[in-house]
Amino acid sequence: MRRLRNDLPYTFRPPKLENWLRPLGLAINRAVHLKRKYRIAKIEAKGFEKVRELNEAGHSVMLAPNHSDHSDPHVVMEIASRHGMRPLFMAAREIFEVSPIASWALQGMGVFSVDRDGPDLSAIKTAITLLEKAADPLVIFPEGEIYHHHRRLDPLNEGVASILLKAAARLPAGKNAYLVPVGLRFFHDTEVEATFSDRLSKLEDRIGWTPKPRMPIDDRIHRLGTGVLALKETEYLGQAGSGTVQDRLTRLCEELLTLAEGRYPRDAKAVTPPERVRALRFRIRRRLLDGEKPPTPAERELLLDDLDRVFTALQAHSYIGDYLLEDPTLDRRAETILKLEEDLYGFPTYPIDRTARVIAGEPICVSEMLVSGVLPAKGGALPLTELLEMRLDGLLSSAS
């Protein structure tokens, strides 16, 4: 999870698919992103033949994968291309702000931006239009954020279901809208275990501790995680907390969100921590960019500090206290260390080859559910999101 401490005005970037760019983009994706950057040595896929059949028949297809790793969109793009499809992606605005060249390349490959913190009508309209055209599958990650725990989902954003329902209502006779859950799991080569001790030593040194290479790996991970949590509690709350790790994570998240919400109008519809974070970021950035009444230097600094607070709240929420202790497998150890590296260094490391296992679940025919009355025309986003969450949970459990 990457820090979002900026006050840049948002500019919508639409998709500008360039056919000549696609072969080059796919080659770079394989050689640079998958092989070198994310160390994806092998991709195993199931269920995409059905997706291709629906796409070739002219139906609207939305792929909704879980989002647990930075390589997720690169893996989905590669799998889709192997099956003769050209997927379009909705992606966070921040990746377009890296550089003009990055923005141009992303748009040329069919990626368009979305501001996750506000009502981005341009992104919503674009997604609906693309689904209406039904030329290519549309990929949207309903979790929104990357949490690095591959076996558990975070609450899904209802916006994905809402977009598909609106598109389904506009399709002509004979064309259906399908929602396809996609389960993504990553498995590490056993050689990754040999990297744990040195990487943990560097992380311990990062927070000023003396490395403990002779301590059992699970104890070191738990000790390090607890130490980082105590540092964050002390930074924001004045002292380290007590109780179980999960209780402390929940308390830190809640207190930071409550503190920030005391300075801005509360969004009554925002209930879960990710929803509350998005609502707060929207209000904070809107104030930072107020051209009619710009914030004073002191207020601006407080606003930026509040962005840090809500970021830390989301970080706390993203950790599951018993994730490693519940099932201390090789992959869960690797995931937890990688997550700690990203939070302490600002970026993760991928030292050893991995295998991506991707399963496209049974397509959900949203059009038929609407016609039969299983899904109501209004208010259908919630039950459809719950169905998607149940299907994704099943896929993640089966991809072992």
Protein backbone atom coordinates (compact mmCIF):
# COMPACT_ATOMS: atom_id res chain seq x y z
CA MET A 1 0.00 0.00 0.00
CA ARG A 2 1.50 3.29 -1.11
CA ARG A 3 1.23 6.63 0.63
CA LEU A 4 -1.10 9.12 -1.08
CA ARG A 5 0.06 12.46 0.32
CA ASN A 6 -0.58 14.80 -2.58
CA ASP A 7 -2.84 17.65 -3.57
CA LEU A 8 -2.77 17.26 -7.34
CA PRO A 9 -5.95 18.18 -9.19
CA TYR A 10 -7.54 15.19 -10.88
CA THR A 11 -7.72 14.91 -14.66
CA PHE A 12 -9.66 12.01 -16.15
CA ARG A 13 -7.62 9.91 -18.57
CA PRO A 14 -9.83 8.01 -21.05
CA PRO A 15 -8.74 4.84 -22.86
CA LYS A 16 -7.11 5.50 -26.23
CA LEU A 17 -6.49 2.02 -27.52
CA GLU A 18 -3.72 1.94 -30.13
CA ASN A 19 -3.58 -1.34 -32.07
CA TRP A 20 0.03 -0.79 -33.14
CA LEU A 21 1.12 -0.32 -29.52
CA ARG A 22 -0.44 -3.51 -28.21
CA PRO A 23 2.20 -6.06 -29.39
CA LEU A 24 4.97 -3.88 -27.95
CA GLY A 25 3.04 -3.35 -24.71
CA LEU A 26 2.44 -7.09 -24.28
CA ALA A 27 6.11 -7.85 -24.93
CA ILE A 28 7.17 -5.28 -22.31
CA ASN A 29 4.59 -6.65 -19.91
CA ARG A 30 6.03 -10.16 -20.20
CA ALA A 31 9.73 -9.32 -20.20
CA VAL A 32 9.86 -6.36 -17.83
CA HIS A 33 6.87 -6.43 -15.50
CA LEU A 34 6.06 -10.12 -15.13
CA LYS A 35 9.49 -11.72 -15.50
CA ARG A 36 11.86 -9.12 -14.08
CA LYS A 37 9.92 -6.82 -11.75
CA TYR A 38 7.36 -9.17 -10.19
CA ARG A 39 9.19 -12.49 -10.77
CA ILE A 40 6.19 -14.29 -12.23
CA ALA A 41 7.88 -17.31 -13.82
CA LYS A 42 4.71 -19.28 -14.54
CA ILE A 43 1.01 -18.54 -14.96
CA GLU A 44 -1.57 -21.31 -14.58
CA ALA A 45 -5.07 -20.43 -15.73
CA LYS A 46 -8.48 -22.11 -15.76
CA GLY A 47 -11.93 -21.10 -16.96
CA PHE A 48 -10.99 -18.46 -19.53
CA GLU A 49 -12.25 -20.47 -22.51
CA LYS A 50 -15.80 -19.67 -21.38
CA VAL A 51 -14.92 -15.99 -21.03
CA ARG A 52 -13.57 -15.97 -24.58
CA GLU A 53 -16.75 -17.62 -25.90
CA LEU A 54 -18.94 -14.97 -24.28
CA ASN A 55 -16.72 -12.19 -25.59
CA GLU A 56 -16.71 -13.57 -29.14
CA ALA A 57 -20.52 -13.90 -29.02
CA GLY A 58 -20.75 -10.14 -28.42
CA HIS A 59 -21.90 -10.24 -24.80
CA SER A 60 -20.77 -7.68 -22.22
CA VAL A 61 -18.16 -9.20 -19.93
CA MET A 62 -16.74 -7.71 -16.75
CA LEU A 63 -13.87 -9.49 -15.02
CA ALA A 64 -13.75 -8.85 -11.27
CA PRO A 65 -10.51 -10.22 -9.72
CA ASN A 66 -9.38 -10.04 -6.12
CA HIS A 67 -6.49 -7.60 -5.67
CA SER A 68 -3.68 -8.90 -3.50
CA ASP A 69 -0.52 -8.10 -5.45
CA HIS A 70 0.92 -5.34 -7.63
CA SER A 71 1.30 -7.80 -10.48
CA ASP A 72 -2.45 -8.57 -10.67
CA PRO A 73 -3.31 -6.42 -13.73
CA HIS A 74 -0.20 -7.60 -15.55
CA VAL A 75 -1.15 -11.24 -14.97
CA VAL A 76 -4.75 -10.69 -16.10
CA MET A 77 -3.58 -8.85 -19.22
CA GLU A 78 -1.27 -11.73 -20.14
CA ILE A 79 -3.91 -14.42 -19.58
CA ALA A 80 -6.52 -12.51 -21.59
CA SER A 81 -4.10 -11.99 -24.48
CA ARG A 82 -3.32 -15.72 -24.55
CA HIS A 83 -7.02 -16.29 -25.15
CA GLY A 84 -7.24 -13.73 -27.93
CA MET A 85 -8.86 -10.97 -25.87
CA ARG A 86 -7.88 -7.32 -25.42
CA PRO A 87 -8.99 -6.40 -21.90
CA LEU A 88 -9.67 -2.83 -20.86
CA PHE A 89 -8.83 -1.75 -17.31
CA MET A 90 -10.13 0.80 -14.83
CA ALA A 91 -7.13 1.88 -12.76
CA ALA A 92 -6.35 4.27 -9.92
CA ARG A 93 -5.55 7.83 -10.98
CA GLU A 94 -2.19 7.73 -9.19
CA ILE A 95 -0.52 5.44 -11.73
CA PHE A 96 -1.27 7.97 -14.48
CA GLU A 97 0.46 10.71 -12.49
CA VAL A 98 3.86 8.99 -12.48
CA SER A 99 4.81 10.60 -15.80
CA PRO A 100 3.23 11.76 -19.08
CA ILE A 101 4.85 8.83 -20.88
CA ALA A 102 3.37 6.34 -18.42
CA SER A 103 -0.07 7.91 -18.85
CA TRP A 104 0.21 7.79 -22.65
CA ALA A 105 1.28 4.13 -22.62
CA LEU A 106 -1.47 3.09 -20.21
CA GLN A 107 -4.17 4.82 -22.23
CA GLY A 108 -2.80 3.32 -25.43
CA MET A 109 -3.17 -0.16 -23.89
CA GLY A 110 -6.80 0.52 -23.01
CA VAL A 111 -6.44 1.62 -19.39
CA PHE A 112 -8.50 4.53 -18.05
CA SER A 113 -8.34 6.37 -14.76
CA VAL A 114 -10.67 6.54 -11.80
CA ASP A 115 -10.52 8.75 -8.74
CA ARG A 116 -11.31 6.23 -6.01
CA ASP A 117 -12.00 8.93 -3.45
CA GLY A 118 -14.88 10.70 -5.13
CA PRO A 119 -17.83 10.31 -7.52
CA ASP A 120 -15.83 10.01 -10.73
CA LEU A 121 -18.70 10.30 -13.22
CA SER A 122 -16.34 10.27 -16.21
CA ALA A 123 -14.90 6.90 -15.21
CA ILE A 124 -18.36 5.46 -14.49
CA LYS A 125 -19.78 6.63 -17.82
CA THR A 126 -16.75 5.31 -19.66
CA ALA A 127 -17.08 1.89 -18.01
CA ILE A 128 -20.79 1.68 -18.87
CA THR A 129 -20.15 2.72 -22.48
CA LEU A 130 -17.40 0.13 -22.90
CA LEU A 131 -19.68 -2.59 -21.54
CA GLU A 132 -22.45 -1.49 -23.91
CA LYS A 133 -20.10 -1.81 -26.88
CA ALA A 134 -19.12 -5.30 -25.69
CA ALA A 135 -16.01 -5.32 -27.89
CA ASP A 136 -13.57 -6.32 -25.15
CA PRO A 137 -13.80 -7.50 -21.52
CA LEU A 138 -13.61 -4.80 -18.88
CA VAL A 139 -11.48 -5.47 -15.79
CA ILE A 140 -12.26 -3.75 -12.47
CA PHE A 141 -10.78 -4.77 -9.11
CA PRO A 142 -13.67 -4.53 -6.62
CA GLU A 143 -11.45 -4.42 -3.51
CA GLY A 144 -9.87 -1.20 -4.78
CA GLU A 145 -6.71 -1.43 -2.66
CA ILE A 146 -3.90 -3.99 -2.50
CA TYR A 147 -3.75 -5.72 0.88
CA HIS A 148 -1.23 -8.55 0.27
CA HIS A 149 -3.26 -11.31 1.91
CA HIS A 150 -4.13 -13.70 -0.89
CA ARG A 151 -6.41 -15.98 1.09
CA ARG A 152 -8.81 -13.36 2.46
CA LEU A 153 -10.94 -10.74 0.75
CA ASP A 154 -11.55 -7.26 2.00
CA PRO A 155 -15.13 -5.90 1.65
CA LEU A 156 -15.91 -5.30 -2.02
CA ASN A 157 -16.89 -1.95 -3.47
CA GLU A 158 -20.51 -1.95 -4.69
CA GLY A 159 -19.56 0.37 -7.55
CA VAL A 160 -18.50 -2.60 -9.69
CA ALA A 161 -21.94 -4.21 -9.47
CA SER A 162 -23.67 -0.87 -9.94
CA ILE A 163 -21.79 -0.19 -13.18
CA LEU A 164 -22.63 -3.62 -14.61
CA LEU A 165 -26.31 -3.34 -13.65
CA LYS A 166 -26.60 0.00 -15.46
CA ALA A 167 -24.89 -1.41 -18.53
CA ALA A 168 -27.11 -4.52 -18.52
CA ALA A 169 -30.24 -2.37 -18.59
CA ARG A 170 -29.05 -0.72 -21.83
CA LEU A 171 -28.11 -3.80 -23.83
CA PRO A 172 -30.17 -4.73 -26.92
CA ALA A 173 -32.12 -7.96 -27.13
CA GLY A 174 -29.92 -11.03 -27.50
CA LYS A 175 -27.00 -9.47 -25.67
CA ASN A 176 -26.34 -10.26 -22.02
CA ALA A 177 -24.13 -8.79 -19.31
CA TYR A 178 -21.88 -11.19 -17.43
CA LEU A 179 -19.92 -10.73 -14.23
CA VAL A 180 -16.96 -13.10 -13.99
CA PRO A 181 -15.24 -13.55 -10.61
CA VAL A 182 -11.50 -14.14 -11.03
CA GLY A 183 -9.41 -15.64 -8.24
CA LEU A 184 -5.71 -14.71 -8.17
CA ARG A 185 -3.25 -16.59 -5.98
CA PHE A 186 0.56 -16.50 -5.90
CA PHE A 187 2.84 -19.34 -4.88
CA HIS A 188 6.52 -18.89 -4.10
CA ASP A 189 9.38 -21.14 -5.05
CA THR A 190 10.67 -22.91 -1.93
CA GLU A 191 13.97 -21.04 -2.35
CA VAL A 192 12.24 -17.92 -0.99
CA GLU A 193 12.66 -19.33 2.52
CA ALA A 194 16.42 -18.75 2.31
CA THR A 195 15.78 -15.01 1.81
CA PHE A 196 13.66 -14.52 4.94
CA SER A 197 16.41 -14.09 7.53
CA ASP A 198 18.42 -11.48 5.64
CA ARG A 199 15.31 -9.51 4.67
CA LEU A 200 14.07 -9.52 8.25
CA SER A 201 17.49 -8.35 9.46
CA LYS A 202 17.28 -5.37 7.11
CA LEU A 203 13.77 -4.58 8.33
CA GLU A 204 14.85 -4.82 11.96
CA ASP A 205 17.76 -2.52 11.23
CA ARG A 206 15.36 -0.14 9.47
CA ILE A 207 13.52 0.53 12.74
CA GLY A 208 16.72 0.75 14.79
CA TRP A 209 16.71 -2.78 16.21
CA THR A 210 19.59 -5.23 16.44
CA PRO A 211 18.86 -8.08 14.00
CA LYS A 212 18.08 -11.47 15.56
CA PRO A 213 19.02 -14.02 12.86
CA ARG A 214 18.93 -16.96 15.30
CA MET A 215 15.34 -16.33 16.34
CA PRO A 216 12.68 -18.54 14.68
CA ILE A 217 11.26 -16.87 11.56
CA ASP A 218 7.64 -16.74 12.73
CA ASP A 219 8.68 -15.21 16.06
CA ARG A 220 10.78 -12.60 14.24
CA ILE A 221 7.91 -11.67 11.93
CA HIS A 222 5.48 -11.35 14.83
CA ARG A 223 8.02 -9.41 16.92
CA LEU A 224 8.76 -7.04 14.04
CA GLY A 225 5.09 -6.50 13.25
CA THR A 226 4.31 -5.77 16.88
CA GLY A 227 7.24 -3.35 17.05
CA VAL A 228 6.12 -1.43 13.97
CA LEU A 229 2.60 -1.27 15.38
CA ALA A 230 3.94 0.13 18.67
CA LEU A 231 5.87 2.79 16.75
CA LYS A 232 2.73 3.86 14.88
CA GLU A 233 0.67 3.87 18.09
CA THR A 234 3.28 6.03 19.79
CA GLU A 235 3.52 8.37 16.80
CA TYR A 236 -0.21 9.01 16.57
CA LEU A 237 -1.66 8.11 19.99
CA GLY A 238 1.22 8.99 22.29
CA GLN A 239 1.89 5.50 23.62
CA ALA A 240 1.92 1.84 22.63
CA GLY A 241 -1.34 0.01 23.13
CA SER A 242 -2.18 -3.19 24.98
CA GLY A 243 -4.24 -6.25 24.17
CA THR A 244 -4.12 -8.58 21.19
CA VAL A 245 -2.52 -7.43 17.95
CA GLN A 246 -5.89 -7.44 16.21
CA ASP A 247 -7.49 -5.35 18.96
CA ARG A 248 -4.66 -2.83 18.74
CA LEU A 249 -4.87 -2.63 14.95
CA THR A 250 -8.63 -2.06 15.13
CA ARG A 251 -8.23 0.57 17.85
CA LEU A 252 -5.52 2.48 15.95
CA CYS A 253 -7.61 2.50 12.77
CA GLU A 254 -10.75 3.65 14.58
CA GLU A 255 -9.09 6.39 16.62
CA LEU A 256 -7.31 7.87 13.60
CA LEU A 257 -10.48 7.88 11.50
CA THR A 258 -12.56 9.35 14.32
CA LEU A 259 -10.00 12.09 14.89
CA ALA A 260 -9.96 13.09 11.21
CA GLU A 261 -13.74 12.83 10.86
CA GLY A 262 -14.09 15.35 13.66
CA ARG A 263 -12.72 18.02 11.32
CA TYR A 264 -14.77 17.25 8.20
CA PRO A 265 -18.43 16.52 7.45
CA ARG A 266 -19.07 12.79 8.01
CA ASP A 267 -20.36 10.75 5.08
CA ALA A 268 -23.27 8.75 6.52
CA LYS A 269 -22.98 6.16 3.74
CA ALA A 270 -19.34 5.40 4.57
CA VAL A 271 -19.38 2.52 7.05
CA THR A 272 -16.35 0.28 6.56
CA PRO A 273 -12.83 1.63 7.17
CA PRO A 274 -11.99 1.72 3.41
CA GLU A 275 -15.21 3.63 2.70
CA ARG A 276 -14.48 6.09 5.50
CA VAL A 277 -10.92 6.56 4.23
CA ARG A 278 -12.13 7.28 0.70
CA ALA A 279 -14.71 9.78 1.99
CA LEU A 280 -12.10 11.56 4.10
CA ARG A 281 -9.54 11.72 1.31
CA PHE A 282 -12.18 13.22 -0.98
CA ARG A 283 -13.04 15.96 1.54
CA ILE A 284 -9.43 16.69 2.45
CA ARG A 285 -8.31 16.99 -1.17
CA ARG A 286 -11.31 19.12 -2.06
CA ARG A 287 -10.29 21.57 0.67
CA LEU A 288 -6.63 21.48 -0.41
CA LEU A 289 -7.68 22.40 -3.96
CA ASP A 290 -10.18 25.11 -3.00
CA GLY A 291 -9.29 27.89 -5.45
CA GLU A 292 -11.80 30.42 -4.13
CA LYS A 293 -10.65 30.18 -0.53
CA PRO A 294 -7.23 28.51 -0.46
CA PRO A 295 -6.13 27.01 2.86
CA THR A 296 -3.61 28.94 4.92
CA PRO A 297 -0.12 27.41 5.22
CA ALA A 298 -1.00 26.13 8.71
CA GLU A 299 -4.28 24.63 7.54
CA ARG A 300 -2.61 23.09 4.52
CA GLU A 301 -0.10 21.34 6.76
CA LEU A 302 -2.93 20.01 8.94
CA LEU A 303 -4.76 18.75 5.85
CA LEU A 304 -1.66 16.93 4.64
CA ASP A 305 -1.16 15.50 8.13
CA ASP A 306 -4.74 14.22 8.02
CA LEU A 307 -3.99 12.48 4.73
CA ASP A 308 -1.17 10.71 6.58
CA ARG A 309 -3.53 9.79 9.41
CA VAL A 310 -6.13 8.21 7.15
CA PHE A 311 -3.37 6.42 5.21
CA THR A 312 -2.07 4.93 8.47
CA ALA A 313 -5.63 3.98 9.44
CA LEU A 314 -5.98 2.06 6.17
CA GLN A 315 -2.61 0.42 6.75
CA ALA A 316 -3.77 -0.76 10.18
CA HIS A 317 -7.00 -2.05 8.69
CA SER A 318 -5.11 -3.94 5.98
CA TYR A 319 -3.27 -6.16 8.48
CA ILE A 320 -5.00 -9.26 9.81
CA GLY A 321 -3.66 -10.01 13.28
CA ASP A 322 -3.87 -13.81 13.03
CA TYR A 323 -3.22 -14.18 9.29
CA LEU A 324 0.22 -15.77 9.75
CA LEU A 325 -0.41 -17.42 13.11
CA GLU A 326 -3.56 -19.14 11.82
CA ASP A 327 -1.70 -20.93 9.04
CA PRO A 328 2.09 -20.28 9.00
CA THR A 329 2.76 -21.54 5.48
CA LEU A 330 5.68 -20.59 3.28
CA ASP A 331 3.48 -18.33 1.16
CA ARG A 332 1.91 -16.53 4.12
CA ARG A 333 5.36 -15.89 5.58
CA ALA A 334 6.50 -14.49 2.22
CA GLU A 335 3.36 -12.34 1.87
CA THR A 336 3.75 -10.88 5.36
CA ILE A 337 7.42 -10.02 4.90
CA LEU A 338 6.68 -8.46 1.52
CA LYS A 339 3.90 -6.37 3.08
CA LEU A 340 6.21 -5.17 5.87
CA GLU A 341 8.85 -4.26 3.28
CA GLU A 342 6.38 -2.15 1.33
CA ASP A 343 5.20 -0.32 4.45
CA LEU A 344 8.72 0.35 5.76
CA TYR A 345 10.58 0.96 2.48
CA GLY A 346 7.75 2.28 0.33
CA PHE A 347 8.04 -0.59 -2.13
CA PRO A 348 7.97 -4.42 -1.97
CA THR A 349 10.72 -6.78 -3.09
CA TYR A 350 10.28 -9.94 -5.13
CA PRO A 351 13.56 -11.87 -4.76
CA ILE A 352 12.43 -15.32 -5.97
CA ASP A 353 10.31 -16.65 -8.83
CA ARG A 354 6.61 -17.13 -8.21
CA THR A 355 3.71 -18.95 -9.86
CA ALA A 356 0.44 -17.13 -10.47
CA ARG A 357 -2.65 -19.31 -10.36
CA VAL A 358 -5.68 -17.67 -11.97
CA ILE A 359 -9.19 -19.12 -12.02
CA ALA A 360 -12.08 -17.55 -13.89
CA GLY A 361 -15.21 -18.64 -12.05
CA GLU A 362 -18.60 -19.47 -13.50
CA PRO A 363 -19.90 -16.33 -15.25
CA ILE A 364 -22.86 -14.70 -13.52
CA CYS A 365 -25.50 -13.72 -16.09
CA VAL A 366 -26.68 -10.44 -14.62
CA SER A 367 -29.14 -9.84 -17.47
CA GLU A 368 -31.01 -13.07 -16.73
CA MET A 369 -31.08 -12.29 -13.01
CA LEU A 370 -32.66 -8.92 -13.79
CA VAL A 371 -35.28 -10.39 -16.12
CA SER A 372 -36.21 -13.16 -13.68
CA GLY A 373 -36.48 -10.73 -10.78
CA VAL A 374 -33.70 -12.39 -8.78
CA LEU A 375 -31.99 -9.01 -8.87
CA PRO A 376 -34.13 -5.89 -8.51
CA ALA A 377 -33.63 -3.11 -11.05
CA LYS A 378 -33.06 -0.74 -8.14
CA GLY A 379 -31.04 -1.82 -5.15
CA GLY A 380 -29.53 -4.81 -6.91
CA ALA A 381 -25.91 -3.74 -6.38
CA LEU A 382 -25.76 -5.02 -2.79
CA PRO A 383 -26.99 -8.60 -3.43
CA LEU A 384 -24.87 -8.83 -6.59
CA THR A 385 -21.80 -7.69 -4.63
CA GLU A 386 -22.54 -10.28 -1.93
CA LEU A 387 -22.82 -12.99 -4.60
CA LEU A 388 -19.52 -11.88 -6.14
CA GLU A 389 -17.83 -11.93 -2.73
CA MET A 390 -19.09 -15.46 -2.05
CA ARG A 391 -17.86 -16.68 -5.45
CA LEU A 392 -14.45 -15.05 -5.03
CA ASP A 393 -14.06 -16.57 -1.56
CA GLY A 394 -14.72 -19.97 -3.06
CA LEU A 395 -12.17 -19.45 -5.82
CA LEU A 396 -9.46 -18.37 -3.40
CA SER A 397 -10.11 -21.43 -1.24
CA SER A 398 -9.94 -23.77 -4.22
CA ALA A 399 -6.74 -22.34 -5.74
CA SER A 400 -4.36 -24.37 -3.61
